Amino acid sequence: MQNPKKQIASHRLILPNGQSLTQWVIEIQQGKVINYFPLSEEMPHTEWWNGSILLEENYDGTVVAKYEGKIIE
């Protein structure tokens, strides 16, 4: 069975290169970011998290998301 993806929107998304984006959604599956896109309207099944989410690229090229210093699973 495939793990469901999680959608989280936040006030600010910080990319691995340091660029800051306002009001974006990330999609996470099995602890890895599989997509991110601007939040243009209210979306079903999307959690809203206050503050900033930081994206970090691992040595193998996968991207993880961190919130308050912890990896989002």
C-alpha atoms as a PDB file:
ATOM      1  CA  MET A   1       0.000   0.000   0.000  1.00  0.00           C
ATOM      2  CA  GLN A   2       1.329   3.426  -0.943  1.00  0.00           C
ATOM      3  CA  ASN A   3       1.742   6.016   1.796  1.00  0.00           C
ATOM      4  CA  PRO A   4      -0.670   8.905   1.300  1.00  0.00           C
ATOM      5  CA  LYS A   5       0.780  12.283   0.503  1.00  0.00           C
ATOM      6  CA  LYS A   6       0.382  15.135   2.951  1.00  0.00           C
ATOM      7  CA  GLN A   7      -0.311  18.719   1.839  1.00  0.00           C
ATOM      8  CA  ILE A   8       0.772  21.561   4.095  1.00  0.00           C
ATOM      9  CA  ALA A   9       0.436  25.282   3.444  1.00  0.00           C
ATOM     10  CA  SER A  10       2.473  27.854   5.357  1.00  0.00           C
ATOM     11  CA  HIS A  11       2.988  31.598   5.571  1.00  0.00           C
ATOM     12  CA  ARG A  12       6.537  31.252   4.302  1.00  0.00           C
ATOM     13  CA  LEU A  13       8.465  28.564   2.461  1.00  0.00           C
ATOM     14  CA  ILE A  14      12.256  28.830   2.414  1.00  0.00           C
ATOM     15  CA  LEU A  15      13.934  26.995  -0.459  1.00  0.00           C
ATOM     16  CA  PRO A  16      17.337  25.268  -0.212  1.00  0.00           C
ATOM     17  CA  ASN A  17      18.928  28.238  -2.026  1.00  0.00           C
ATOM     18  CA  GLY A  18      17.586  30.641   0.625  1.00  0.00           C
ATOM     19  CA  GLN A  19      14.801  32.122  -1.497  1.00  0.00           C
ATOM     20  CA  SER A  20      11.690  32.911   0.554  1.00  0.00           C
ATOM     21  CA  LEU A  21       8.206  32.360  -0.891  1.00  0.00           C
ATOM     22  CA  THR A  22       4.952  33.602   0.663  1.00  0.00           C
ATOM     23  CA  GLN A  23       1.914  31.328   1.041  1.00  0.00           C
ATOM     24  CA  TRP A  24       2.977  28.127  -0.696  1.00  0.00           C
ATOM     25  CA  VAL A  25       1.888  24.496  -0.379  1.00  0.00           C
ATOM     26  CA  ILE A  26       4.250  21.538  -0.080  1.00  0.00           C
ATOM     27  CA  GLU A  27       3.373  17.922  -0.792  1.00  0.00           C
ATOM     28  CA  ILE A  28       5.204  15.315   1.276  1.00  0.00           C
ATOM     29  CA  GLN A  29       5.244  11.561   0.798  1.00  0.00           C
ATOM     30  CA  GLN A  30       7.331   9.171   2.886  1.00  0.00           C
ATOM     31  CA  GLY A  31       9.116  12.118   4.494  1.00  0.00           C
ATOM     32  CA  LYS A  32      10.243  13.618   1.169  1.00  0.00           C
ATOM     33  CA  VAL A  33       8.999  16.740  -0.586  1.00  0.00           C
ATOM     34  CA  ILE A  34       7.555  15.660  -3.922  1.00  0.00           C
ATOM     35  CA  ASN A  35       6.099  19.004  -5.033  1.00  0.00           C
ATOM     36  CA  TYR A  36       5.493  22.595  -4.015  1.00  0.00           C
ATOM     37  CA  PHE A  37       3.318  25.289  -5.544  1.00  0.00           C
ATOM     38  CA  PRO A  38       1.692  28.650  -4.697  1.00  0.00           C
ATOM     39  CA  LEU A  39      -1.448  28.667  -2.598  1.00  0.00           C
ATOM     40  CA  SER A  40      -4.029  30.376  -4.807  1.00  0.00           C
ATOM     41  CA  GLU A  41      -7.220  29.233  -3.104  1.00  0.00           C
ATOM     42  CA  GLU A  42      -8.412  27.139  -0.175  1.00  0.00           C
ATOM     43  CA  MET A  43      -7.659  23.501  -0.931  1.00  0.00           C
ATOM     44  CA  PRO A  44      -9.295  20.379   0.515  1.00  0.00           C
ATOM     45  CA  HIS A  45      -7.129  18.094   2.647  1.00  0.00           C
ATOM     46  CA  THR A  46      -4.484  20.778   3.145  1.00  0.00           C
ATOM     47  CA  GLU A  47      -3.215  21.644   6.617  1.00  0.00           C
ATOM     48  CA  TRP A  48      -2.318  25.265   7.419  1.00  0.00           C
ATOM     49  CA  TRP A  49       0.820  25.726   9.537  1.00  0.00           C
ATOM     50  CA  ASN A  50       1.782  29.137  10.939  1.00  0.00           C
ATOM     51  CA  GLY A  51       5.288  30.403  10.418  1.00  0.00           C
ATOM     52  CA  SER A  52       7.981  29.101   8.100  1.00  0.00           C
ATOM     53  CA  ILE A  53       8.838  25.749   6.565  1.00  0.00           C
ATOM     54  CA  LEU A  54      12.431  25.206   5.497  1.00  0.00           C
ATOM     55  CA  LEU A  55      13.277  22.916   2.588  1.00  0.00           C
ATOM     56  CA  GLU A  56      16.666  21.178   2.726  1.00  0.00           C
ATOM     57  CA  GLU A  57      18.322  19.075   0.040  1.00  0.00           C
ATOM     58  CA  ASN A  58      19.982  15.856   1.219  1.00  0.00           C
ATOM     59  CA  TYR A  59      23.252  14.463  -0.132  1.00  0.00           C
ATOM     60  CA  ASP A  60      21.274  12.124  -2.413  1.00  0.00           C
ATOM     61  CA  GLY A  61      19.264  14.956  -3.966  1.00  0.00           C
ATOM     62  CA  THR A  62      16.025  14.314  -2.090  1.00  0.00           C
ATOM     63  CA  VAL A  63      14.376  17.275  -0.397  1.00  0.00           C
ATOM     64  CA  VAL A  64      12.965  17.240   3.135  1.00  0.00           C
ATOM     65  CA  ALA A  65      10.881  19.870   4.910  1.00  0.00           C
ATOM     66  CA  LYS A  66      11.595  21.141   8.413  1.00  0.00           C
ATOM     67  CA  TYR A  67       9.279  22.962  10.769  1.00  0.00           C
ATOM     68  CA  GLU A  68      10.623  24.336  14.039  1.00  0.00           C
ATOM     69  CA  GLY A  69      13.833  22.357  13.465  1.00  0.00           C
ATOM     70  CA  LYS A  70      12.156  18.971  12.983  1.00  0.00           C
ATOM     71  CA  ILE A  71      11.696  17.016   9.768  1.00  0.00           C
ATOM     72  CA  ILE A  72       8.070  16.784   8.686  1.00  0.00           C
ATOM     73  CA  GLU A  73       7.128  13.163   8.049  1.00  0.00           C
END
